[in-house]
Protein backbone atom coordinates (compact mmCIF):
# COMPACT_ATOMS: atom_id res chain seq x y z
CA MET A 1 -3.28 6.89 27.23
CA LYS A 2 -5.99 8.92 28.89
CA GLU A 3 -8.02 7.37 31.71
CA LEU A 4 -11.79 7.70 31.61
CA ASN A 5 -13.70 7.04 34.85
CA ASN A 6 -10.94 4.55 35.80
CA ASN A 7 -12.84 1.78 33.99
CA PHE A 8 -12.54 2.80 30.35
CA LYS A 9 -9.65 3.85 28.17
CA ILE A 10 -9.52 5.94 25.02
CA LEU A 11 -7.33 4.02 22.60
CA ASN A 12 -5.53 5.63 19.71
CA ASN A 13 -6.40 2.92 17.24
CA ASP A 14 -4.17 2.68 14.19
CA PRO A 15 -6.43 3.76 11.31
CA ASN A 16 -4.59 1.42 8.94
CA ASP A 17 -5.48 -1.52 11.14
CA PHE A 18 -8.91 -2.11 9.56
CA ASP A 19 -8.15 -5.72 8.78
CA GLY A 20 -6.43 -6.49 12.06
CA GLU A 21 -2.92 -6.71 13.42
CA ASP A 22 -2.27 -9.78 11.26
CA LYS A 23 -1.68 -7.63 8.19
CA PRO A 24 1.41 -5.84 6.93
CA ARG A 25 0.82 -2.09 7.02
CA SER A 26 0.23 -0.41 3.70
CA ASN A 27 2.82 1.70 2.02
CA CYS A 28 1.88 5.18 0.77
CA ALA A 29 -0.23 6.56 -2.08
CA ILE A 30 0.99 9.26 -4.45
CA PHE A 31 -0.87 11.32 -7.03
CA GLY A 32 0.03 14.04 -9.50
CA ILE A 33 -1.83 16.08 -12.10
CA TYR A 34 -0.45 18.69 -14.51
CA ASN A 35 -2.38 21.32 -16.49
CA HIS A 36 -5.83 21.25 -14.90
CA PRO A 37 -7.83 24.28 -13.68
CA GLN A 38 -9.05 22.30 -10.65
CA ALA A 39 -5.82 20.48 -9.91
CA SER A 40 -6.30 20.41 -6.13
CA VAL A 41 -9.83 18.99 -6.42
CA MET A 42 -8.60 16.26 -8.77
CA ALA A 43 -5.76 15.51 -6.36
CA TYR A 44 -8.18 15.26 -3.45
CA TYR A 45 -10.32 12.68 -5.26
CA GLY A 46 -7.20 10.81 -6.35
CA LEU A 47 -6.08 10.56 -2.72
CA HIS A 48 -9.56 9.65 -1.51
CA SER A 49 -9.69 6.67 -3.89
CA GLN A 50 -6.28 5.49 -2.65
CA GLN A 51 -7.04 5.96 1.05
CA HIS A 52 -6.43 2.25 1.72
CA ARG A 53 -2.71 2.77 1.05
CA GLY A 54 -2.15 5.13 3.97
CA GLN A 55 -4.33 6.81 6.57
CA GLU A 56 -1.93 8.43 9.03
CA ALA A 57 -1.75 11.71 7.12
CA SER A 58 -2.62 13.38 3.84
CA GLY A 59 -1.35 16.40 1.94
CA ILE A 60 -1.55 18.33 -1.34
CA CYS A 61 0.88 20.87 -2.84
CA VAL A 62 -0.11 23.05 -5.82
CA SER A 63 1.94 25.25 -8.15
CA GLU A 64 0.27 28.62 -8.87
CA ILE A 65 1.36 31.21 -11.43
CA LEU A 66 0.94 34.74 -10.06
CA GLU A 67 0.01 37.82 -12.12
CA ASP A 68 3.61 39.02 -12.24
CA GLY A 69 4.76 35.67 -13.71
CA ARG A 70 6.29 34.36 -10.50
CA TYR A 71 5.32 30.99 -9.04
CA ARG A 72 3.92 30.24 -5.61
CA PHE A 73 3.56 26.82 -4.02
CA ASN A 74 0.42 26.42 -1.93
CA ILE A 75 0.34 23.49 0.46
CA HIS A 76 -2.07 21.99 2.98
CA LYS A 77 -1.50 18.78 4.95
CA GLY A 78 -2.35 17.19 8.27
CA HIS A 79 -2.85 14.01 10.25
CA GLY A 80 -5.81 11.84 9.33
CA ILE A 81 -7.60 10.73 6.17
CA ALA A 82 -8.07 13.01 3.16
CA LEU A 83 -11.75 13.60 3.95
CA ASN A 84 -10.85 15.14 7.30
CA VAL A 85 -7.64 16.92 6.30
CA PHE A 86 -9.36 18.82 3.46
CA SER A 87 -12.77 19.30 5.06
CA GLY A 88 -12.16 22.97 5.92
CA LYS A 89 -14.15 25.56 4.02
CA ASN A 90 -12.56 26.65 0.73
CA ILE A 91 -9.27 24.79 1.29
CA LEU A 92 -9.38 23.18 -2.15
CA THR A 93 -10.74 26.21 -3.99
CA ASN A 94 -9.19 29.23 -2.28
CA VAL A 95 -6.05 27.96 -0.54
CA LEU A 96 -4.80 25.28 -2.94
CA LYS A 97 -4.95 27.37 -6.11
CA GLY A 98 -2.99 26.39 -9.20
CA THR A 99 -3.01 24.12 -12.24
CA ALA A 100 -0.45 21.47 -11.19
CA ALA A 101 -0.70 19.45 -7.99
CA ILE A 102 0.86 16.50 -6.21
CA GLY A 103 -0.66 14.63 -3.27
CA HIS A 104 0.28 11.99 -0.72
CA ASN A 105 -1.43 9.61 1.70
CA ARG A 106 0.97 8.43 4.37
CA TYR A 107 1.66 5.30 6.26
CA SER A 108 5.09 5.67 7.84
CA THR A 109 7.75 3.08 7.08
CA THR A 110 10.58 5.43 8.09
CA GLY A 111 10.19 8.47 10.34
CA ALA A 112 7.90 8.88 13.32
CA SER A 113 4.20 8.73 12.45
CA ASP A 114 3.17 11.46 14.90
CA SER A 115 5.54 14.13 13.55
CA ARG A 116 3.87 16.80 11.44
CA ALA A 117 7.25 17.54 9.83
CA ASN A 118 7.17 14.06 8.27
CA ILE A 119 3.86 14.61 6.45
CA GLN A 120 4.24 14.85 2.68
CA PRO A 121 4.36 16.44 0.18
CA PHE A 122 7.65 18.04 1.20
CA LYS A 123 8.27 21.53 -0.16
CA VAL A 124 11.58 23.41 -0.41
CA ASN A 125 13.02 26.45 -2.16
CA PHE A 126 16.37 26.25 -3.93
CA LYS A 127 18.33 28.23 -6.50
CA GLN A 128 16.08 27.17 -9.40
CA GLY A 129 12.78 27.86 -7.63
CA HIS A 130 10.32 25.70 -5.75
CA LEU A 131 10.45 21.94 -5.44
CA ALA A 132 7.93 19.52 -3.89
CA LEU A 133 7.96 15.74 -3.54
CA SER A 134 5.57 12.83 -2.92
CA HIS A 135 7.27 9.47 -2.34
CA ASN A 136 6.10 5.87 -1.97
CA GLY A 137 8.54 3.16 -0.93
CA ASN A 138 11.90 3.08 0.81
CA PHE A 139 15.50 3.92 0.00
CA THR A 140 17.73 1.11 1.21
CA ASN A 141 20.90 3.21 1.50
CA THR A 142 19.30 5.89 3.70
CA LYS A 143 21.83 5.77 6.51
CA GLU A 144 24.78 5.96 4.13
CA LEU A 145 23.35 8.94 2.20
CA ARG A 146 22.10 10.78 5.26
CA ASN A 147 25.47 10.53 7.01
CA LYS A 148 27.26 11.69 3.86
CA LEU A 149 24.96 14.70 3.42
CA GLN A 150 25.21 15.66 7.09
CA ASP A 151 29.00 15.49 6.90
CA GLU A 152 28.78 17.94 4.01
CA GLY A 153 26.70 20.37 6.07
CA THR A 154 23.13 19.42 5.10
CA LEU A 155 20.48 20.21 7.72
CA PHE A 156 17.52 17.80 7.81
CA GLN A 157 14.05 19.00 8.73
CA THR A 158 12.44 15.55 8.91
CA SER A 159 13.37 12.01 9.93
CA THR A 160 12.18 10.35 6.71
CA ASP A 161 14.22 8.93 3.86
CA SER A 162 12.18 10.97 1.36
CA GLU A 163 13.87 14.25 2.28
CA ILE A 164 17.20 12.85 1.08
CA PHE A 165 16.00 12.98 -2.52
CA LEU A 166 15.28 16.71 -2.30
CA HIS A 167 18.75 17.42 -0.92
CA LEU A 168 20.39 15.36 -3.64
CA ILE A 169 18.59 17.41 -6.29
CA ALA A 170 19.42 20.72 -4.63
CA ARG A 171 23.12 19.80 -4.30
CA SER A 172 23.49 18.41 -7.82
CA ARG A 173 26.00 20.30 -9.98
CA LYS A 174 24.02 19.57 -13.16
CA ASP A 175 22.47 22.52 -15.00
CA GLU A 176 19.16 21.18 -16.35
CA MET A 177 16.44 20.08 -13.95
CA ILE A 178 16.03 16.67 -15.59
CA ASP A 179 19.76 16.05 -15.14
CA LYS A 180 19.51 16.99 -11.46
CA VAL A 181 16.63 14.53 -11.05
CA LEU A 182 18.54 11.74 -12.81
CA ASP A 183 21.63 12.57 -10.76
CA ALA A 184 19.65 12.18 -7.52
CA ALA A 185 17.95 8.98 -8.69
CA ARG A 186 21.29 7.41 -9.55
CA ASN A 187 22.52 8.04 -6.02
CA VAL A 188 19.63 6.38 -4.19
CA ARG A 189 19.03 2.66 -3.99
CA GLY A 190 15.75 0.95 -3.18
CA ALA A 191 12.13 0.45 -4.14
CA TYR A 192 10.29 3.68 -4.86
CA SER A 193 7.88 5.71 -6.91
CA ILE A 194 8.20 9.50 -6.76
CA ILE A 195 6.31 12.48 -8.17
CA LEU A 196 8.19 15.79 -8.18
CA LEU A 197 6.70 19.23 -8.80
CA THR A 198 8.79 22.24 -9.82
CA ASP A 199 7.58 25.72 -10.78
CA ASP A 200 6.76 24.68 -14.34
CA LYS A 201 7.39 20.94 -14.59
CA MET A 202 6.32 17.61 -13.15
CA PHE A 203 8.48 14.49 -12.95
CA ALA A 204 7.28 10.93 -12.35
CA ILE A 205 10.01 8.48 -11.31
CA ARG A 206 10.04 4.71 -10.91
CA ASP A 207 12.85 2.63 -9.44
CA PRO A 208 15.01 0.52 -11.79
CA LEU A 209 13.26 -2.74 -10.82
CA SER A 210 9.75 -1.20 -10.67
CA VAL A 211 9.06 -2.75 -7.27
CA ARG A 212 6.47 -0.12 -6.38
CA PRO A 213 3.58 0.66 -8.77
CA LEU A 214 3.18 3.92 -10.72
CA SER A 215 0.84 4.55 -13.65
CA MET A 216 0.09 7.37 -16.09
CA ALA A 217 -3.21 8.62 -17.53
CA LYS A 218 -4.69 11.54 -19.48
CA LEU A 219 -7.67 13.73 -18.66
CA GLY A 220 -8.31 15.94 -21.68
CA LYS A 221 -4.99 17.75 -22.09
CA SER A 222 -3.96 17.03 -18.49
CA PHE A 223 -1.46 14.33 -17.51
CA VAL A 224 -2.12 12.31 -14.37
CA PHE A 225 0.04 9.93 -12.30
CA ALA A 226 -0.99 7.65 -9.44
CA SER A 227 0.02 4.58 -7.43
CA GLU A 228 -3.19 2.80 -8.49
CA THR A 229 -5.48 3.17 -11.48
CA CYS A 230 -8.57 3.43 -9.27
CA ALA A 231 -7.43 7.06 -8.80
CA PHE A 232 -7.94 7.61 -12.54
CA ASP A 233 -11.42 6.11 -12.57
CA ILE A 234 -12.85 8.51 -10.00
CA ILE A 235 -11.88 11.58 -12.11
CA ASN A 236 -12.63 9.92 -15.49
CA ALA A 237 -8.99 9.95 -16.60
CA SER A 238 -7.94 7.41 -19.24
CA TYR A 239 -5.19 4.99 -18.21
CA ILE A 240 -2.27 5.04 -20.67
CA ARG A 241 0.36 2.72 -19.21
CA ASP A 242 2.61 1.93 -16.29
CA LEU A 243 5.94 3.68 -16.13
CA LYS A 244 8.76 1.46 -17.29
CA ALA A 245 11.42 0.15 -14.93
CA GLY A 246 13.81 2.99 -14.11
CA GLU A 247 11.85 5.50 -16.16
CA VAL A 248 11.61 9.24 -15.45
CA ILE A 249 8.83 11.09 -17.26
CA GLN A 250 8.93 14.88 -17.58
CA ILE A 251 5.73 16.86 -18.16
CA ASP A 252 5.93 20.54 -19.13
CA GLU A 253 4.21 23.03 -21.45
CA ASP A 254 5.89 21.55 -24.53
CA VAL A 255 4.46 18.14 -23.65
CA ILE A 256 0.98 19.66 -23.25
CA LYS A 257 1.23 21.24 -26.72
CA THR A 258 2.56 18.14 -28.49
CA GLY A 259 0.91 15.43 -26.38
CA LYS A 260 4.21 13.50 -26.36
CA VAL A 261 5.82 12.84 -22.98
CA LYS A 262 9.56 13.24 -22.45
CA SER A 263 11.00 9.95 -21.23
CA PHE A 264 14.42 9.36 -19.63
CA PHE A 265 15.99 6.45 -17.76
CA ILE A 266 17.93 6.10 -14.53
CA GLU A 267 19.17 2.81 -15.93
CA GLN A 268 17.62 0.15 -18.12
CA ARG A 269 17.75 -3.43 -16.88
CA ASN A 270 14.81 -4.91 -18.88
CA GLU A 271 13.61 -6.85 -15.87
CA THR A 272 11.26 -6.20 -12.95
CA LYS A 273 10.92 -7.25 -9.35
CA HIS A 274 7.35 -6.18 -8.67
CA CYS A 275 6.11 -6.37 -5.07
CA ILE A 276 4.03 -9.55 -5.11
CA PHE A 277 2.11 -8.39 -2.03
CA GLU A 278 0.39 -5.71 -4.15
CA TYR A 279 -1.59 -8.52 -5.77
CA ILE A 280 -2.15 -10.44 -2.54
CA TYR A 281 -3.37 -7.64 -0.29
CA PHE A 282 -2.45 -3.99 -0.82
CA SER A 283 -4.09 -2.91 -4.06
CA ARG A 284 -7.79 -2.49 -4.64
CA PRO A 285 -9.32 -5.28 -6.77
CA ASP A 286 -10.63 -2.69 -9.26
CA SER A 287 -7.11 -1.39 -9.94
CA THR A 288 -4.71 -2.36 -12.68
CA ILE A 289 -1.29 -3.02 -11.13
CA PHE A 290 1.86 -3.92 -13.06
CA GLY A 291 -0.27 -3.97 -16.21
CA HIS A 292 -2.82 -6.52 -14.94
CA THR A 293 -6.16 -6.40 -13.12
CA VAL A 294 -5.87 -7.16 -9.41
CA ASP A 295 -9.29 -8.83 -9.33
CA LYS A 296 -8.24 -11.41 -11.92
CA VAL A 297 -5.01 -12.25 -10.10
CA ARG A 298 -6.75 -12.61 -6.73
CA ARG A 299 -9.31 -14.98 -8.20
CA LYS A 300 -6.46 -17.11 -9.52
CA LEU A 301 -4.83 -17.06 -6.08
CA GLY A 302 -8.07 -18.46 -4.65
CA LYS A 303 -8.38 -21.07 -7.40
CA ASN A 304 -4.81 -22.29 -6.95
CA LEU A 305 -5.29 -22.44 -3.19
CA SER A 306 -8.34 -24.63 -3.70
CA ILE A 307 -6.40 -26.96 -6.01
CA GLU A 308 -3.38 -27.19 -3.73
CA LYS A 309 -5.09 -27.08 -0.31
CA PRO A 310 -8.76 -28.06 -0.81
CA THR A 311 -11.60 -27.90 1.68
CA PRO A 312 -12.47 -30.92 3.82
CA LYS A 313 -14.74 -33.39 2.08
CA ALA A 314 -18.39 -33.09 3.02
CA ASN A 315 -21.66 -34.76 2.22
CA VAL A 316 -25.30 -33.78 2.20
CA GLU A 317 -25.64 -34.49 5.92
CA ASP A 318 -23.15 -31.68 6.63
CA LYS A 319 -25.54 -29.22 4.94
CA LYS A 320 -22.66 -27.94 2.81
CA VAL A 321 -19.25 -26.62 3.70
CA VAL A 322 -19.50 -22.86 4.22
CA VAL A 323 -16.67 -20.75 2.78
CA ILE A 324 -16.36 -17.19 4.11
CA SER A 325 -13.85 -14.43 3.44
CA VAL A 326 -12.28 -12.01 5.89
CA PRO A 327 -13.65 -8.78 4.41
CA ASP A 328 -12.70 -6.84 2.48
CA SER A 329 -9.28 -7.83 1.16
CA SER A 330 -10.07 -11.56 0.82
CA ASN A 331 -13.45 -11.27 -0.89
CA THR A 332 -12.21 -11.79 -4.44
CA ALA A 333 -9.87 -14.66 -3.53
CA ALA A 334 -12.74 -16.43 -1.76
CA LEU A 335 -14.79 -16.22 -4.97
CA GLY A 336 -11.98 -17.90 -6.88
CA PHE A 337 -11.56 -20.50 -4.16
CA VAL A 338 -15.22 -21.53 -4.25
CA THR A 339 -15.47 -21.42 -8.06
CA GLU A 340 -12.70 -24.00 -8.27
CA THR A 341 -13.81 -26.06 -5.26
CA ILE A 342 -17.33 -26.80 -6.48
CA LYS A 343 -15.90 -28.53 -9.55
CA THR A 344 -14.95 -31.49 -7.34
CA ASN A 345 -16.92 -30.86 -4.15
CA PRO A 346 -20.54 -29.81 -4.84
CA TYR A 347 -21.37 -29.52 -1.13
CA VAL A 348 -19.61 -26.17 -0.82
CA LYS A 349 -21.22 -22.76 -0.67
CA LEU A 350 -19.85 -19.21 -0.46
CA GLU A 351 -21.58 -17.29 2.32
CA LEU A 352 -21.40 -13.88 3.93
CA GLY A 353 -20.38 -15.04 7.38
CA LEU A 354 -18.43 -12.02 8.62
CA ILE A 355 -19.75 -8.47 8.57
CA ARG A 356 -17.17 -5.71 8.77
CA SER A 357 -17.74 -2.27 10.25
CA HIS A 358 -16.38 0.53 8.06
CA TYR A 359 -16.65 3.15 10.78
CA ILE A 360 -13.63 2.46 12.98
CA GLY A 361 -11.91 5.81 13.48
CA ARG A 362 -8.61 6.83 15.03
CA THR A 363 -10.08 6.69 18.53
CA PHE A 364 -12.74 4.60 20.22
CA ILE A 365 -13.71 3.88 23.82
CA GLN A 366 -12.98 0.39 25.05
CA PRO A 367 -14.00 -1.32 28.31
CA GLY A 368 -11.63 -3.46 30.34
CA GLN A 369 -8.18 -4.70 29.54
CA ASP A 370 -8.76 -7.27 26.78
CA ASN A 371 -7.93 -4.81 24.04
CA ARG A 372 -7.39 -7.17 21.15
CA GLU A 373 -10.68 -9.01 21.54
CA ILE A 374 -12.77 -5.85 21.57
CA LYS A 375 -10.84 -4.45 18.60
CA VAL A 376 -11.75 -7.51 16.55
CA LYS A 377 -15.39 -7.31 17.63
CA ALA A 378 -15.48 -3.60 16.80
CA LYS A 379 -14.41 -4.48 13.24
CA PHE A 380 -16.22 -7.76 12.66
CA ASN A 381 -19.38 -9.58 13.65
CA THR A 382 -20.61 -13.00 12.61
CA VAL A 383 -23.83 -14.02 10.90
CA LYS A 384 -24.49 -16.81 13.37
CA SER A 385 -27.29 -18.50 11.43
CA VAL A 386 -24.92 -19.01 8.49
CA LEU A 387 -22.16 -20.58 10.57
CA ARG A 388 -23.96 -22.62 13.22
CA ASN A 389 -23.34 -26.38 12.95
CA ARG A 390 -21.48 -25.95 9.65
CA ILE A 391 -17.99 -26.85 8.51
CA VAL A 392 -16.56 -23.35 8.07
CA VAL A 393 -13.60 -22.54 5.82
CA ILE A 394 -12.18 -19.04 6.36
CA VAL A 395 -10.24 -17.69 3.36
CA ASP A 396 -7.75 -14.95 4.23
CA ASP A 397 -4.82 -13.38 2.38
CA SER A 398 -2.08 -13.50 5.03
CA ILE A 399 -1.18 -13.97 8.68
CA VAL A 400 1.60 -11.91 10.23
CA ARG A 401 1.70 -12.16 14.04
CA GLY A 402 -1.34 -14.41 14.35
CA THR A 403 -2.74 -12.48 17.30
CA THR A 404 -5.79 -11.05 15.54
CA ALA A 405 -6.33 -14.25 13.55
CA LYS A 406 -6.61 -16.05 16.86
CA GLN A 407 -9.23 -13.59 18.10
CA LEU A 408 -11.11 -13.84 14.81
CA VAL A 409 -11.27 -17.62 15.18
CA LYS A 410 -12.54 -17.15 18.72
CA LEU A 411 -15.26 -14.84 17.39
CA VAL A 412 -16.34 -17.38 14.77
CA LYS A 413 -16.43 -20.11 17.42
CA GLU A 414 -19.07 -18.14 19.30
CA ALA A 415 -21.40 -18.92 16.37
CA LYS A 416 -20.96 -22.64 17.24
CA PRO A 417 -19.71 -24.07 13.92
CA LYS A 418 -18.99 -27.78 13.57
CA GLU A 419 -15.38 -27.20 12.41
CA ILE A 420 -13.15 -24.25 11.47
CA HIS A 421 -10.51 -24.44 8.74
CA LEU A 422 -8.18 -21.60 7.67
CA ARG A 423 -6.97 -21.26 4.08
CA ILE A 424 -4.40 -18.54 3.33
CA THR A 425 -3.76 -17.26 -0.22
CA SER A 426 -0.06 -16.63 0.41
CA PRO A 427 2.84 -18.59 1.94
CA PRO A 428 3.93 -18.11 5.57
CA ILE A 429 5.63 -14.74 6.11
CA ILE A 430 9.15 -15.32 7.40
CA SER A 431 11.01 -12.03 6.76
CA PRO A 432 10.35 -8.28 7.17
CA CYS A 433 10.15 -5.92 4.20
CA TYR A 434 12.65 -3.10 3.60
CA TYR A 435 11.02 -1.79 0.43
CA GLY A 436 8.02 0.16 1.69
CA MET A 437 5.86 -2.21 3.74
CA ASP A 438 5.86 -2.19 7.53
CA PHE A 439 6.25 -5.68 9.01
CA PRO A 440 7.09 -6.61 12.60
CA SER A 441 10.49 -8.13 13.35
CA ARG A 442 11.37 -11.68 12.33
CA GLU A 443 10.95 -12.79 15.93
CA GLU A 444 7.35 -11.53 16.07
CA LEU A 445 6.18 -13.36 12.94
CA ILE A 446 4.00 -16.34 13.82
CA ALA A 447 5.72 -18.58 11.27
CA ASN A 448 9.05 -18.04 13.03
CA GLN A 449 7.59 -18.21 16.52
CA CYS A 450 6.24 -21.64 15.60
CA ASP A 451 9.51 -22.75 13.99
CA ARG A 452 7.76 -22.70 10.58
CA ASP A 453 5.77 -25.73 11.73
CA ILE A 454 2.22 -25.58 10.33
CA GLU A 455 0.93 -27.92 13.04
CA LYS A 456 2.20 -25.55 15.75
CA ILE A 457 0.48 -22.64 13.99
CA ARG A 458 -2.74 -24.68 13.87
CA GLU A 459 -2.52 -25.38 17.58
CA TYR A 460 -1.89 -21.73 18.41
CA LEU A 461 -4.83 -20.53 16.30
CA ASP A 462 -7.01 -23.35 17.69
CA VAL A 463 -8.51 -24.43 14.36
CA ASP A 464 -9.15 -27.83 12.82
CA SER A 465 -6.69 -27.13 10.02
CA VAL A 466 -4.64 -24.28 8.54
CA GLU A 467 -3.10 -24.39 5.07
CA TYR A 468 -1.07 -21.84 3.10
CA LEU A 469 -0.57 -21.41 -0.63
CA SER A 470 2.92 -22.59 -1.57
CA LEU A 471 5.51 -20.17 -2.96
CA GLU A 472 5.49 -22.12 -6.21
CA LYS A 473 1.71 -21.79 -6.61
CA LEU A 474 1.89 -18.12 -5.62
CA HIS A 475 4.20 -17.42 -8.56
CA ASP A 476 1.99 -19.56 -10.78
CA SER A 477 -0.92 -17.25 -9.88
CA VAL A 478 0.67 -13.94 -10.95
CA PRO A 479 1.39 -12.75 -14.53
CA GLN A 480 4.70 -13.93 -15.97
CA GLY A 481 6.68 -13.60 -19.18
CA ILE A 482 7.66 -10.52 -21.20
CA ASN A 483 5.46 -7.47 -20.51
CA LYS A 484 4.30 -4.76 -22.92
CA HIS A 485 7.51 -2.81 -22.31
CA GLY A 486 9.68 -5.78 -23.33
CA GLU A 487 10.74 -6.35 -19.72
CA HIS A 488 11.03 -9.80 -18.17
CA THR A 489 8.40 -9.91 -15.42
CA GLY A 490 9.73 -10.95 -12.03
CA TYR A 491 8.63 -10.41 -8.45
CA CYS A 492 10.02 -9.56 -5.05
CA ASP A 493 8.88 -12.29 -2.64
CA ALA A 494 11.41 -11.53 0.11
CA CYS A 495 8.77 -11.59 2.86
CA PHE A 496 8.10 -15.25 1.98
CA SER A 497 11.53 -16.41 0.83
CA GLY A 498 14.05 -14.13 2.56
CA ASN A 499 15.62 -13.39 -0.87
CA TYR A 500 16.06 -9.62 -1.20
CA PRO A 501 16.60 -8.41 -4.79
CA ILE A 502 18.02 -5.03 -3.69
CA PRO A 503 20.79 -4.69 -1.05
CA ILE A 504 19.32 -3.57 2.29
CA GLU A 505 20.34 -1.81 5.46
CA GLU A 506 18.43 -2.49 8.66
CA ILE A 507 17.32 0.68 10.47
CA ASP A 508 14.60 1.48 12.97
CA LYS A 509 11.83 3.65 11.50
CA THR A 510 12.48 6.33 14.16
CA GLU A 511 16.28 6.07 14.06
CA PHE A 512 16.73 9.63 12.81
CA GLU A 513 14.44 11.31 15.34
CA GLY A 514 16.07 14.17 17.24
């Protein structure tokens, strides 16, 4: 940390921390496009639209056919958001030439965040040509596989779990590329979505329980894949469907000619364990995730929260109860909350009480030592005239440590409201995630620090009341039943229940650093 005039410090602010330290950190975004003359440009816009899923680093790799028929992989990546990484003159047009591209926005869940070697896409050469990978999620048998490969003489260039998949492909004894890919996928365990690029093919891969999202679209005769469908909208691609659980799709020149994708399966279990936090917080409300619109699910989360944990009763003398969201992730849920609340409590009004700054970069100058308070004020400010002398209900999606929530409450109190009540559209978080989200340890979670006692949490946050959506009502809010693929829809809720659907191994994210 660099000193500045002894009174100020330049802080390397986590760019993912837009909504405060009380949020789990986003997993990554992946994107792929095959058979497009401006593949790198399309990839850039696809990454830009998914920037919320990872802002530590960004990268694009493109396959180019040379005049002599050979292939060349062109790659550009760096730390920061896509806008900055690809801002150099002619990077997209002259450097990243080719008609097939994969891209990646990173938030690190394994591997050091400041290592350039860990920035994806990863690119390697092996006996069948070039190979590049973009990966979202986590393998849960990383240590086992890494130790096995190292014992067999494999040299690792990075400290991420993603590199393991490349080595498994390269070492496979299968002849056909699709068989090598399936061979690798059957050796890893975990929650993941992967896009692979070879000289003349693209593979999209989804884990056997489809924990992490991955969708497919078409743009003319081009095939497109992305973590979220908002990446299709920006380039006018038409959403086709989600990949099925355990599905591997191969795109090549035959597929372009016939229009029919080649579909294979790692294994078929006809059930899913979708990450329920995608609906609560991660995904954009304009995206379709797991076959359903995020906006619609978040509104139902808000409605069910209102039914289960309503606002305090008010009368005309209170000049209405004011409901505000913590922007931006809670906006839609707050709409659902108020829509349901006014059915039984007419003295309730949705207001814009918090204004969020969208211009917090990686670094900003901060006076004094009270870092957390100034970070909250740099992100949010109150509309004091809306909150003064009112009963204020703050709708938020989750609380992790509680540290930033406490500062946010302190900020709202400066507007002199009559009361402050917190309503959370998810249950208390009690367990870390091992499937692609970055949570603090169990001991750091506010629910555990307060012995899972809601009254202790209320006292710590210094509010008049705090209420969470129950686990039962959470599941009632998300789509259920048999999906379009004939799979029974289920969800991973391990962060709320401690029930992990896939066996895990506990490792530190920097365990494999040299």
